C-alpha cells in the first residue's frame, strides 16, 4: 500500500512528484486538524485518516460514538475487537455468561486463562490491551423487557450478536422504540445472515423503513431450530460475519457507501456464496404497520 495520503493520484512507481506530495501532505494535515486527535491516535488510525471516505472527521465520529454490543460470544467477539481497533469511543458489552472451554473455538476475544470468568470482564480486558483509548462499559446481566429501553437509550447504535430468538426480537423491538439503528446477524452451522435496521426512520419516498418483524414476522416455534451446542457451528464463520457486523456499524457511524437497510446478506460457507435479498416495510407487521399490536415491550415480559 502506498505510504502517501490518498488524494487520488498515487504514483505507479518511484517517488511522487512534488506537486502530488504537497497536495497529499496538505490533505493529511487538514484531516489531522479536523479530527483533533492525539499524536498516538493519529498514528494508530493513520490508515483510516488517509481514506477519503473516512478522514479526520470520520475518525472523530468514531471516537464520539457509543456502540452497545449484545453478546460477547461468537459474533460479539470480532465485533468488539474490530470496533475497538477502529477507535469507537465507548463500547458497551451486555452478557451474563461466563467463559467456557467450548466457547474458545470461535469466541476469540476470550482465552484459556479466562475460563470461568465473566465474559464482559474478559472482553473488556482484551479491548484495553488492544486500544486503551476505548472506554468499556460492562453490563453483566441479561437483557430483559424491564432494562432494554434504558440501556439501549444510552447508546448511538446497537450490534446484536445474541444466540437466541427471544433476545433478537427483544433487541429489535427495543431499538424501534428507542429510535436507535441496529446491526443484527445470526449464525447457522455453515450459514449466516446480516442486515441493518433503521425502522424508526423513513426512506426518501416517505415509506417507513422495514423492521426486523417485516423480515421475520414471528420467531420459529421453540425447539424447531437447534442451538449451536446441538447442531454445531463453524468457528471461522462467526469471525467472518462478526467482522461484517463491525463494518456495518462503522459505516453507520461514518456514513459511507450503501447501507444494508432493506437488504439481507445471506452467506453459504459450504459454497462460499454471498447473496443479497431486498425486503421492505410490511404494512401488516405488528410493530410499525398500519394497525400495530405491539406498542411496548410488555410482549417480551
C-alpha atoms as a PDB file:
ATOM      1  CA  UNK A   1       0.000   0.000   0.000  1.00  0.00           C
ATOM      2  CA  UNK A   2       1.280   3.463  -0.852  1.00  0.00           C
ATOM      3  CA  UNK A   3       2.655   5.429   2.072  1.00  0.00           C
ATOM      4  CA  UNK A   4       1.184   8.683   0.749  1.00  0.00           C
ATOM      5  CA  UNK A   5      -2.133  10.247   1.719  1.00  0.00           C
ATOM      6  CA  UNK A   6      -4.803   9.292  -0.808  1.00  0.00           C
ATOM      7  CA  UNK A   7      -5.623  12.299  -2.949  1.00  0.00           C
ATOM      8  CA  UNK A   8      -6.500  10.154  -5.953  1.00  0.00           C
ATOM      9  CA  UNK A   9      -3.022  10.376  -7.541  1.00  0.00           C
ATOM     10  CA  UNK A  10      -0.836   7.556  -6.270  1.00  0.00           C
ATOM     11  CA  UNK A  11       2.391   7.169  -8.230  1.00  0.00           C
ATOM     12  CA  UNK A  12       2.788   3.951 -10.219  1.00  0.00           C
ATOM     13  CA  UNK A  13       6.384   3.587  -9.159  1.00  0.00           C
ATOM     14  CA  UNK A  14       9.180   5.540  -7.553  1.00  0.00           C
ATOM     15  CA  UNK A  15       8.582   8.706  -5.538  1.00  0.00           C
ATOM     16  CA  UNK A  16       5.641  11.070  -6.120  1.00  0.00           C
ATOM     17  CA  UNK A  17       6.357  14.388  -7.796  1.00  0.00           C
ATOM     18  CA  UNK A  18       6.478  17.452  -5.550  1.00  0.00           C
ATOM     19  CA  UNK A  19       3.007  18.688  -6.506  1.00  0.00           C
ATOM     20  CA  UNK A  20       1.288  15.400  -5.622  1.00  0.00           C
ATOM     21  CA  UNK A  21       3.288  15.102  -2.395  1.00  0.00           C
ATOM     22  CA  UNK A  22       2.399  18.648  -1.323  1.00  0.00           C
ATOM     23  CA  UNK A  23      -1.297  18.100  -2.018  1.00  0.00           C
ATOM     24  CA  UNK A  24      -1.172  14.812  -0.154  1.00  0.00           C
ATOM     25  CA  UNK A  25       0.539  16.356   2.863  1.00  0.00           C
ATOM     26  CA  UNK A  26      -1.963  19.227   2.916  1.00  0.00           C
ATOM     27  CA  UNK A  27      -4.849  16.743   2.865  1.00  0.00           C
ATOM     28  CA  UNK A  28      -3.260  14.756   5.655  1.00  0.00           C
ATOM     29  CA  UNK A  29      -2.686  17.832   7.840  1.00  0.00           C
ATOM     30  CA  UNK A  30      -6.275  19.010   7.289  1.00  0.00           C
ATOM     31  CA  UNK A  31      -7.547  15.603   8.307  1.00  0.00           C
ATOM     32  CA  UNK A  32      -5.425  15.643  11.453  1.00  0.00           C
ATOM     33  CA  UNK A  33      -6.602  19.077  12.474  1.00  0.00           C
ATOM     34  CA  UNK A  34     -10.271  18.310  11.860  1.00  0.00           C
ATOM     35  CA  UNK A  35     -10.112  15.144  13.916  1.00  0.00           C
ATOM     36  CA  UNK A  36      -8.399  16.789  16.918  1.00  0.00           C
ATOM     37  CA  UNK A  37      -6.740  13.521  17.797  1.00  0.00           C
ATOM     38  CA  UNK A  38      -3.688  12.963  19.955  1.00  0.00           C
ATOM     39  CA  UNK A  39      -0.355  12.092  18.366  1.00  0.00           C
ATOM     40  CA  UNK A  40      -0.784   8.464  19.448  1.00  0.00           C
ATOM     41  CA  UNK A  41      -4.260   8.312  17.914  1.00  0.00           C
ATOM     42  CA  UNK A  42      -3.053   9.912  14.689  1.00  0.00           C
ATOM     43  CA  UNK A  43      -0.501   7.166  14.251  1.00  0.00           C
ATOM     44  CA  UNK A  44      -2.866   4.414  15.390  1.00  0.00           C
ATOM     45  CA  UNK A  45      -5.631   5.422  12.952  1.00  0.00           C
ATOM     46  CA  UNK A  46      -3.410   6.658  10.115  1.00  0.00           C
ATOM     47  CA  UNK A  47      -4.782   4.102   7.632  1.00  0.00           C
ATOM     48  CA  UNK A  48      -8.309   5.332   8.341  1.00  0.00           C
ATOM     49  CA  UNK A  49      -7.436   9.005   8.186  1.00  0.00           C
ATOM     50  CA  UNK A  50      -5.941   8.758   4.710  1.00  0.00           C
ATOM     51  CA  UNK A  51      -9.125   7.145   3.391  1.00  0.00           C
ATOM     52  CA  UNK A  52     -11.159   9.757   1.555  1.00  0.00           C
ATOM     53  CA  UNK A  53     -14.385   8.169   2.846  1.00  0.00           C
ATOM     54  CA  UNK A  54     -13.270   8.345   6.489  1.00  0.00           C
ATOM     55  CA  UNK A  55     -10.608  11.009   7.011  1.00  0.00           C
ATOM     56  CA  UNK A  56     -10.262  13.083  10.144  1.00  0.00           C
ATOM     57  CA  UNK A  57     -13.992  13.846  10.527  1.00  0.00           C
ATOM     58  CA  UNK A  58     -14.907  10.175  10.205  1.00  0.00           C
ATOM     59  CA  UNK A  59     -12.319   9.144  12.762  1.00  0.00           C
ATOM     60  CA  UNK A  60     -13.569  11.836  15.108  1.00  0.00           C
ATOM     61  CA  UNK A  61     -17.114  10.493  14.644  1.00  0.00           C
ATOM     62  CA  UNK A  62     -15.901   7.035  15.599  1.00  0.00           C
ATOM     63  CA  UNK A  63     -14.275   8.438  18.737  1.00  0.00           C
ATOM     64  CA  UNK A  64     -17.551  10.141  19.733  1.00  0.00           C
ATOM     65  CA  UNK A  65     -19.665   7.055  19.054  1.00  0.00           C
ATOM     66  CA  UNK A  66     -21.206   4.816  21.687  1.00  0.00           C
ATOM     67  CA  UNK A  67     -21.955   1.280  20.499  1.00  0.00           C
ATOM     68  CA  UNK A  68     -23.751  -1.388  22.518  1.00  0.00           C
ATOM     69  CA  UNK A  69     -22.786  -4.957  21.614  1.00  0.00           C
ATOM     70  CA  UNK A  70     -25.295  -7.584  22.714  1.00  0.00           C
ATOM     71  CA  UNK A  71     -23.447 -10.792  23.454  1.00  0.00           C
ATOM     72  CA  UNK A  72     -19.693 -11.309  23.844  1.00  0.00           C
ATOM     73  CA  UNK A  73     -19.784 -14.661  22.056  1.00  0.00           C
ATOM     74  CA  UNK A  74     -19.006 -15.904  18.558  1.00  0.00           C
ATOM     75  CA  UNK A  75     -20.351 -12.810  16.790  1.00  0.00           C
ATOM     76  CA  UNK A  76     -19.786 -10.287  19.558  1.00  0.00           C
ATOM     77  CA  UNK A  77     -16.089 -11.167  19.903  1.00  0.00           C
ATOM     78  CA  UNK A  78     -14.979  -9.966  16.432  1.00  0.00           C
ATOM     79  CA  UNK A  79     -17.429  -7.056  16.567  1.00  0.00           C
ATOM     80  CA  UNK A  80     -15.862  -5.814  19.786  1.00  0.00           C
ATOM     81  CA  UNK A  81     -12.284  -6.320  18.626  1.00  0.00           C
ATOM     82  CA  UNK A  82     -12.722  -4.540  15.306  1.00  0.00           C
ATOM     83  CA  UNK A  83     -14.759  -1.673  16.734  1.00  0.00           C
ATOM     84  CA  UNK A  84     -12.127  -1.211  19.436  1.00  0.00           C
ATOM     85  CA  UNK A  85      -9.353  -1.299  16.847  1.00  0.00           C
ATOM     86  CA  UNK A  86     -11.269   1.237  14.744  1.00  0.00           C
ATOM     87  CA  UNK A  87     -11.363   3.682  17.640  1.00  0.00           C
ATOM     88  CA  UNK A  88     -15.023   3.656  18.673  1.00  0.00           C
ATOM     89  CA  UNK A  89     -15.027   5.835  21.775  1.00  0.00           C
ATOM     90  CA  UNK A  90     -17.302   3.794  24.028  1.00  0.00           C
ATOM     91  CA  UNK A  91     -18.220   0.137  23.770  1.00  0.00           C
ATOM     92  CA  UNK A  92     -20.932  -1.347  25.927  1.00  0.00           C
ATOM     93  CA  UNK A  93     -20.977  -5.120  26.429  1.00  0.00           C
ATOM     94  CA  UNK A  94     -24.109  -6.844  27.701  1.00  0.00           C
ATOM     95  CA  UNK A  95     -23.753 -10.534  28.565  1.00  0.00           C
ATOM     96  CA  UNK A  96     -24.483 -12.539  31.699  1.00  0.00           C
ATOM     97  CA  UNK A  97     -22.457 -15.644  30.784  1.00  0.00           C
ATOM     98  CA  UNK A  98     -19.028 -16.906  31.836  1.00  0.00           C
ATOM     99  CA  UNK A  99     -16.247 -18.241  29.629  1.00  0.00           C
ATOM    100  CA  UNK A 100     -16.372 -21.992  28.962  1.00  0.00           C
ATOM    101  CA  UNK A 101     -13.794 -24.142  27.192  1.00  0.00           C
ATOM    102  CA  UNK A 102     -16.208 -24.921  24.346  1.00  0.00           C
ATOM    103  CA  UNK A 103     -16.514 -21.164  23.649  1.00  0.00           C
ATOM    104  CA  UNK A 104     -12.881 -20.744  22.639  1.00  0.00           C
ATOM    105  CA  UNK A 105     -13.300 -22.411  19.232  1.00  0.00           C
ATOM    106  CA  UNK A 106     -14.998 -19.222  17.996  1.00  0.00           C
ATOM    107  CA  UNK A 107     -15.148 -16.575  20.756  1.00  0.00           C
ATOM    108  CA  UNK A 108     -11.694 -15.173  20.051  1.00  0.00           C
ATOM    109  CA  UNK A 109     -11.851 -12.268  22.482  1.00  0.00           C
ATOM    110  CA  UNK A 110     -11.529 -14.768  25.365  1.00  0.00           C
ATOM    111  CA  UNK A 111      -8.581 -17.056  26.171  1.00  0.00           C
ATOM    112  CA  UNK A 112      -7.833 -20.238  28.101  1.00  0.00           C
ATOM    113  CA  UNK A 113      -6.827 -18.418  31.334  1.00  0.00           C
ATOM    114  CA  UNK A 114     -10.264 -16.744  31.294  1.00  0.00           C
ATOM    115  CA  UNK A 115     -12.225 -19.960  31.919  1.00  0.00           C
ATOM    116  CA  UNK A 116     -14.979 -19.384  34.479  1.00  0.00           C
ATOM    117  CA  UNK A 117     -14.674 -15.583  34.370  1.00  0.00           C
ATOM    118  CA  UNK A 118     -17.474 -13.231  33.324  1.00  0.00           C
ATOM    119  CA  UNK A 119     -17.379 -12.636  29.575  1.00  0.00           C
ATOM    120  CA  UNK A 120     -17.920  -8.917  29.999  1.00  0.00           C
ATOM    121  CA  UNK A 121     -14.791  -8.655  32.134  1.00  0.00           C
ATOM    122  CA  UNK A 122     -12.520 -10.734  29.921  1.00  0.00           C
ATOM    123  CA  UNK A 123     -13.771  -8.921  26.811  1.00  0.00           C
ATOM    124  CA  UNK A 124     -13.125  -5.556  28.472  1.00  0.00           C
ATOM    125  CA  UNK A 125      -9.585  -6.622  29.402  1.00  0.00           C
ATOM    126  CA  UNK A 126      -8.879  -7.682  25.810  1.00  0.00           C
ATOM    127  CA  UNK A 127     -10.189  -4.371  24.489  1.00  0.00           C
ATOM    128  CA  UNK A 128      -7.998  -2.387  26.879  1.00  0.00           C
ATOM    129  CA  UNK A 129      -4.950  -4.365  25.744  1.00  0.00           C
ATOM    130  CA  UNK A 130      -5.815  -3.651  22.119  1.00  0.00           C
ATOM    131  CA  UNK A 131      -6.744   0.023  22.418  1.00  0.00           C
ATOM    132  CA  UNK A 132      -6.512   1.948  25.709  1.00  0.00           C
ATOM    133  CA  UNK A 133      -8.335   4.915  24.130  1.00  0.00           C
ATOM    134  CA  UNK A 134     -11.627   2.980  24.155  1.00  0.00           C
ATOM    135  CA  UNK A 135     -13.910   3.218  27.179  1.00  0.00           C
ATOM    136  CA  UNK A 136     -15.727  -0.004  28.040  1.00  0.00           C
ATOM    137  CA  UNK A 137     -18.986  -0.310  29.969  1.00  0.00           C
ATOM    138  CA  UNK A 138     -19.618  -3.800  31.334  1.00  0.00           C
ATOM    139  CA  UNK A 139     -23.276  -4.807  31.649  1.00  0.00           C
ATOM    140  CA  UNK A 140     -23.013  -8.190  33.311  1.00  0.00           C
ATOM    141  CA  UNK A 141     -26.695  -9.072  33.214  1.00  0.00           C
ATOM    142  CA  UNK A 142     -29.297 -10.461  30.860  1.00  0.00           C
ATOM    143  CA  UNK A 143     -31.193  -8.063  28.613  1.00  0.00           C
ATOM    144  CA  UNK A 144     -34.894  -8.064  29.529  1.00  0.00           C
ATOM    145  CA  UNK A 145     -38.044  -6.118  28.770  1.00  0.00           C
ATOM    146  CA  UNK A 146     -37.509  -4.246  32.042  1.00  0.00           C
ATOM    147  CA  UNK A 147     -33.993  -2.962  31.306  1.00  0.00           C
ATOM    148  CA  UNK A 148     -33.653  -2.946  27.500  1.00  0.00           C
ATOM    149  CA  UNK A 149     -35.014   0.531  26.726  1.00  0.00           C
ATOM    150  CA  UNK A 150     -32.975   2.296  29.399  1.00  0.00           C
ATOM    151  CA  UNK A 151     -29.764   0.514  28.402  1.00  0.00           C
ATOM    152  CA  UNK A 152     -30.183   0.931  24.643  1.00  0.00           C
ATOM    153  CA  UNK A 153     -31.128   4.569  25.120  1.00  0.00           C
ATOM    154  CA  UNK A 154     -27.597   5.292  26.382  1.00  0.00           C
ATOM    155  CA  UNK A 155     -26.001   4.292  23.067  1.00  0.00           C
ATOM    156  CA  UNK A 156     -25.947   5.555  19.476  1.00  0.00           C
ATOM    157  CA  UNK A 157     -26.148   2.188  17.741  1.00  0.00           C
ATOM    158  CA  UNK A 158     -26.660  -1.458  18.708  1.00  0.00           C
ATOM    159  CA  UNK A 159     -24.882  -4.519  17.284  1.00  0.00           C
ATOM    160  CA  UNK A 160     -26.801  -7.664  18.188  1.00  0.00           C
ATOM    161  CA  UNK A 161     -24.784 -10.866  18.233  1.00  0.00           C
ATOM    162  CA  UNK A 162     -27.115 -12.797  20.542  1.00  0.00           C
ATOM    163  CA  UNK A 163     -27.649 -16.508  20.015  1.00  0.00           C
ATOM    164  CA  UNK A 164     -31.370 -16.890  20.677  1.00  0.00           C
ATOM    165  CA  UNK A 165     -34.588 -15.687  19.071  1.00  0.00           C
ATOM    166  CA  UNK A 166     -36.101 -14.217  22.236  1.00  0.00           C
ATOM    167  CA  UNK A 167     -33.208 -11.766  22.639  1.00  0.00           C
ATOM    168  CA  UNK A 168     -33.102 -10.893  18.922  1.00  0.00           C
ATOM    169  CA  UNK A 169     -36.752  -9.887  18.867  1.00  0.00           C
ATOM    170  CA  UNK A 170     -36.433  -8.022  22.162  1.00  0.00           C
ATOM    171  CA  UNK A 171     -33.420  -6.054  20.904  1.00  0.00           C
ATOM    172  CA  UNK A 172     -35.079  -5.269  17.564  1.00  0.00           C
ATOM    173  CA  UNK A 173     -38.305  -4.070  19.187  1.00  0.00           C
ATOM    174  CA  UNK A 174     -36.410  -2.055  21.809  1.00  0.00           C
ATOM    175  CA  UNK A 175     -34.294  -0.344  19.123  1.00  0.00           C
ATOM    176  CA  UNK A 176     -37.501   0.652  17.332  1.00  0.00           C
ATOM    177  CA  UNK A 177     -38.994   2.221  20.460  1.00  0.00           C
ATOM    178  CA  UNK A 178     -35.673   3.813  21.459  1.00  0.00           C
ATOM    179  CA  UNK A 179     -35.193   5.099  17.874  1.00  0.00           C
ATOM    180  CA  UNK A 180     -31.741   3.558  17.522  1.00  0.00           C
ATOM    181  CA  UNK A 181     -30.147   1.888  14.481  1.00  0.00           C
ATOM    182  CA  UNK A 182     -29.500  -1.838  14.759  1.00  0.00           C
ATOM    183  CA  UNK A 183     -26.985  -4.121  13.064  1.00  0.00           C
ATOM    184  CA  UNK A 184     -28.161  -7.679  13.573  1.00  0.00           C
ATOM    185  CA  UNK A 185     -26.793 -11.038  12.456  1.00  0.00           C
ATOM    186  CA  UNK A 186     -27.419 -14.717  13.020  1.00  0.00           C
ATOM    187  CA  UNK A 187     -25.297 -17.845  12.638  1.00  0.00           C
ATOM    188  CA  UNK A 188     -26.243 -21.310  11.433  1.00  0.00           C
ATOM    189  CA  UNK A 189     -23.956 -24.300  11.113  1.00  0.00           C
ATOM    190  CA  UNK A 190     -22.430 -23.276   7.772  1.00  0.00           C
ATOM    191  CA  UNK A 191     -24.572 -20.239   7.010  1.00  0.00           C
ATOM    192  CA  UNK A 192     -25.389 -16.816   8.349  1.00  0.00           C
ATOM    193  CA  UNK A 193     -27.344 -13.627   7.741  1.00  0.00           C
ATOM    194  CA  UNK A 194     -26.723  -9.929   8.309  1.00  0.00           C
ATOM    195  CA  UNK A 195     -28.814  -6.768   7.952  1.00  0.00           C
ATOM    196  CA  UNK A 196     -29.071  -3.217   9.262  1.00  0.00           C
ATOM    197  CA  UNK A 197     -32.341  -1.824  10.568  1.00  0.00           C
ATOM    198  CA  UNK A 198     -33.363   1.809  10.964  1.00  0.00           C
ATOM    199  CA  UNK A 199     -37.066   1.150  11.481  1.00  0.00           C
ATOM    200  CA  UNK A 200     -37.623   4.484  13.280  1.00  0.00           C
ATOM    201  CA  UNK A 201     -36.859   6.355  10.038  1.00  0.00           C
ATOM    202  CA  UNK A 202     -38.381   6.597   6.566  1.00  0.00           C
ATOM    203  CA  UNK A 203     -36.944   6.109   3.095  1.00  0.00           C
ATOM    204  CA  UNK A 204     -36.510   9.048   0.715  1.00  0.00           C
ATOM    205  CA  UNK A 205     -40.008   8.455  -0.708  1.00  0.00           C
ATOM    206  CA  UNK A 206     -41.594   8.647   2.734  1.00  0.00           C
ATOM    207  CA  UNK A 207     -42.157   4.904   3.124  1.00  0.00           C
ATOM    208  CA  UNK A 208     -41.226   3.639   6.580  1.00  0.00           C
ATOM    209  CA  UNK A 209     -38.039   1.611   6.731  1.00  0.00           C
ATOM    210  CA  UNK A 210     -38.651  -2.080   7.438  1.00  0.00           C
ATOM    211  CA  UNK A 211     -38.493  -3.550  10.905  1.00  0.00           C
ATOM    212  CA  UNK A 212     -36.996  -6.885  11.906  1.00  0.00           C
ATOM    213  CA  UNK A 213     -40.571  -8.168  12.009  1.00  0.00           C
ATOM    214  CA  UNK A 214     -41.069  -7.164   8.369  1.00  0.00           C
ATOM    215  CA  UNK A 215     -38.323  -9.647   7.538  1.00  0.00           C
ATOM    216  CA  UNK A 216     -39.153 -12.312  10.120  1.00  0.00           C
ATOM    217  CA  UNK A 217     -42.716 -11.688  11.400  1.00  0.00           C
ATOM    218  CA  UNK A 218     -42.538 -14.230  14.231  1.00  0.00           C
ATOM    219  CA  UNK A 219     -39.820 -16.362  15.812  1.00  0.00           C
ATOM    220  CA  UNK A 220     -39.900 -20.066  14.925  1.00  0.00           C
ATOM    221  CA  UNK A 221     -41.659 -22.393  17.375  1.00  0.00           C
ATOM    222  CA  UNK A 222     -39.441 -23.441  20.294  1.00  0.00           C
ATOM    223  CA  UNK A 223     -37.321 -26.482  19.527  1.00  0.00           C
ATOM    224  CA  UNK A 224     -37.553 -26.237  15.734  1.00  0.00           C
ATOM    225  CA  UNK A 225     -34.133 -24.606  15.306  1.00  0.00           C
ATOM    226  CA  UNK A 226     -31.363 -26.408  17.230  1.00  0.00           C
ATOM    227  CA  UNK A 227     -28.900 -24.354  19.264  1.00  0.00           C
ATOM    228  CA  UNK A 228     -25.236 -24.379  18.245  1.00  0.00           C
ATOM    229  CA  UNK A 229     -24.470 -26.700  21.174  1.00  0.00           C
ATOM    230  CA  UNK A 230     -26.615 -29.321  19.422  1.00  0.00           C
ATOM    231  CA  UNK A 231     -26.036 -28.566  15.735  1.00  0.00           C
ATOM    232  CA  UNK A 232     -22.513 -27.141  15.874  1.00  0.00           C
ATOM    233  CA  UNK A 233     -21.116 -24.001  14.259  1.00  0.00           C
ATOM    234  CA  UNK A 234     -18.041 -23.289  12.165  1.00  0.00           C
ATOM    235  CA  UNK A 235     -15.829 -21.033  14.265  1.00  0.00           C
ATOM    236  CA  UNK A 236     -14.254 -19.090  11.399  1.00  0.00           C
ATOM    237  CA  UNK A 237     -17.718 -18.294  10.002  1.00  0.00           C
ATOM    238  CA  UNK A 238     -18.506 -16.421  13.221  1.00  0.00           C
ATOM    239  CA  UNK A 239     -15.374 -14.363  12.573  1.00  0.00           C
ATOM    240  CA  UNK A 240     -16.464 -13.524   9.018  1.00  0.00           C
ATOM    241  CA  UNK A 241     -19.976 -12.433   9.945  1.00  0.00           C
ATOM    242  CA  UNK A 242     -18.887 -10.664  13.134  1.00  0.00           C
ATOM    243  CA  UNK A 243     -16.321  -8.677  11.146  1.00  0.00           C
ATOM    244  CA  UNK A 244     -19.027  -7.731   8.659  1.00  0.00           C
ATOM    245  CA  UNK A 245     -21.186  -6.552  11.565  1.00  0.00           C
ATOM    246  CA  UNK A 246     -18.350  -4.307  12.700  1.00  0.00           C
ATOM    247  CA  UNK A 247     -18.011  -2.965   9.157  1.00  0.00           C
ATOM    248  CA  UNK A 248     -21.719  -2.143   9.079  1.00  0.00           C
ATOM    249  CA  UNK A 249     -21.548  -0.382  12.436  1.00  0.00           C
ATOM    250  CA  UNK A 250     -18.585   1.687  11.223  1.00  0.00           C
ATOM    251  CA  UNK A 251     -20.498   2.507   8.014  1.00  0.00           C
ATOM    252  CA  UNK A 252     -23.475   3.716  10.053  1.00  0.00           C
ATOM    253  CA  UNK A 253     -21.242   5.922  12.221  1.00  0.00           C
ATOM    254  CA  UNK A 254     -19.051   7.383   9.471  1.00  0.00           C
ATOM    255  CA  UNK A 255     -21.597   7.385   6.646  1.00  0.00           C
ATOM    256  CA  UNK A 256     -20.023   5.927   3.520  1.00  0.00           C
ATOM    257  CA  UNK A 257     -21.195   3.535   0.817  1.00  0.00           C
ATOM    258  CA  UNK A 258     -24.598   1.856   0.685  1.00  0.00           C
ATOM    259  CA  UNK A 259     -26.219   0.774   3.916  1.00  0.00           C
ATOM    260  CA  UNK A 260     -27.769  -2.653   4.444  1.00  0.00           C
ATOM    261  CA  UNK A 261     -31.115  -1.106   5.411  1.00  0.00           C
ATOM    262  CA  UNK A 262     -33.713  -3.118   3.494  1.00  0.00           C
ATOM    263  CA  UNK A 263     -31.124  -5.682   2.389  1.00  0.00           C
ATOM    264  CA  UNK A 264     -30.342  -9.056   3.942  1.00  0.00           C
ATOM    265  CA  UNK A 265     -26.939 -10.594   3.209  1.00  0.00           C
ATOM    266  CA  UNK A 266     -27.037 -14.395   3.226  1.00  0.00           C
ATOM    267  CA  UNK A 267     -23.811 -16.359   3.430  1.00  0.00           C
ATOM    268  CA  UNK A 268     -23.366 -20.024   2.474  1.00  0.00           C
ATOM    269  CA  UNK A 269     -19.950 -21.089   3.747  1.00  0.00           C
ATOM    270  CA  UNK A 270     -20.106 -24.511   2.056  1.00  0.00           C
ATOM    271  CA  UNK A 271     -20.233 -22.945  -1.406  1.00  0.00           C
ATOM    272  CA  UNK A 272     -18.596 -19.644  -0.348  1.00  0.00           C
ATOM    273  CA  UNK A 273     -21.597 -17.868  -1.818  1.00  0.00           C
ATOM    274  CA  UNK A 274     -22.933 -14.459  -0.814  1.00  0.00           C
ATOM    275  CA  UNK A 275     -26.435 -13.427  -1.854  1.00  0.00           C
ATOM    276  CA  UNK A 276     -28.445 -10.299  -1.054  1.00  0.00           C
ATOM    277  CA  UNK A 277     -32.210 -10.266  -0.602  1.00  0.00           C
ATOM    278  CA  UNK A 278     -34.102  -6.984  -0.678  1.00  0.00           C
ATOM    279  CA  UNK A 279     -37.021  -6.575   1.705  1.00  0.00           C
ATOM    280  CA  UNK A 280     -39.335  -3.699   2.509  1.00  0.00           C
ATOM    281  CA  UNK A 281     -41.804  -2.362   5.009  1.00  0.00           C
ATOM    282  CA  UNK A 282     -44.769  -4.649   5.625  1.00  0.00           C
ATOM    283  CA  UNK A 283     -47.908  -2.616   6.420  1.00  0.00           C
ATOM    284  CA  UNK A 284     -49.215  -5.679   8.272  1.00  0.00           C
ATOM    285  CA  UNK A 285     -46.230  -6.007  10.600  1.00  0.00           C
ATOM    286  CA  UNK A 286     -47.293  -5.826  14.254  1.00  0.00           C
ATOM    287  CA  UNK A 287     -44.716  -3.225  15.288  1.00  0.00           C
ATOM    288  CA  UNK A 288     -44.852  -0.351  12.802  1.00  0.00           C
ATOM    289  CA  UNK A 289     -47.635  -1.438  10.449  1.00  0.00           C
ATOM    290  CA  UNK A 290     -50.898   0.302   9.740  1.00  0.00           C
ATOM    291  CA  UNK A 291     -52.514  -1.216  12.832  1.00  0.00           C
ATOM    292  CA  UNK A 292     -49.704  -2.059  15.271  1.00  0.00           C
ATOM    293  CA  UNK A 293     -50.429  -4.507  18.063  1.00  0.00           C
ATOM    294  CA  UNK A 294     -47.013  -4.246  19.755  1.00  0.00           C
ATOM    295  CA  UNK A 295     -46.943  -0.851  21.456  1.00  0.00           C
ATOM    296  CA  UNK A 296     -44.329  -1.509  24.151  1.00  0.00           C
ATOM    297  CA  UNK A 297     -42.016  -4.252  25.364  1.00  0.00           C
ATOM    298  CA  UNK A 298     -44.631  -5.946  27.537  1.00  0.00           C
ATOM    299  CA  UNK A 299     -44.937  -8.667  24.881  1.00  0.00           C
ATOM    300  CA  UNK A 300     -41.446  -9.792  25.973  1.00  0.00           C
ATOM    301  CA  UNK A 301     -42.176  -9.844  29.703  1.00  0.00           C
END
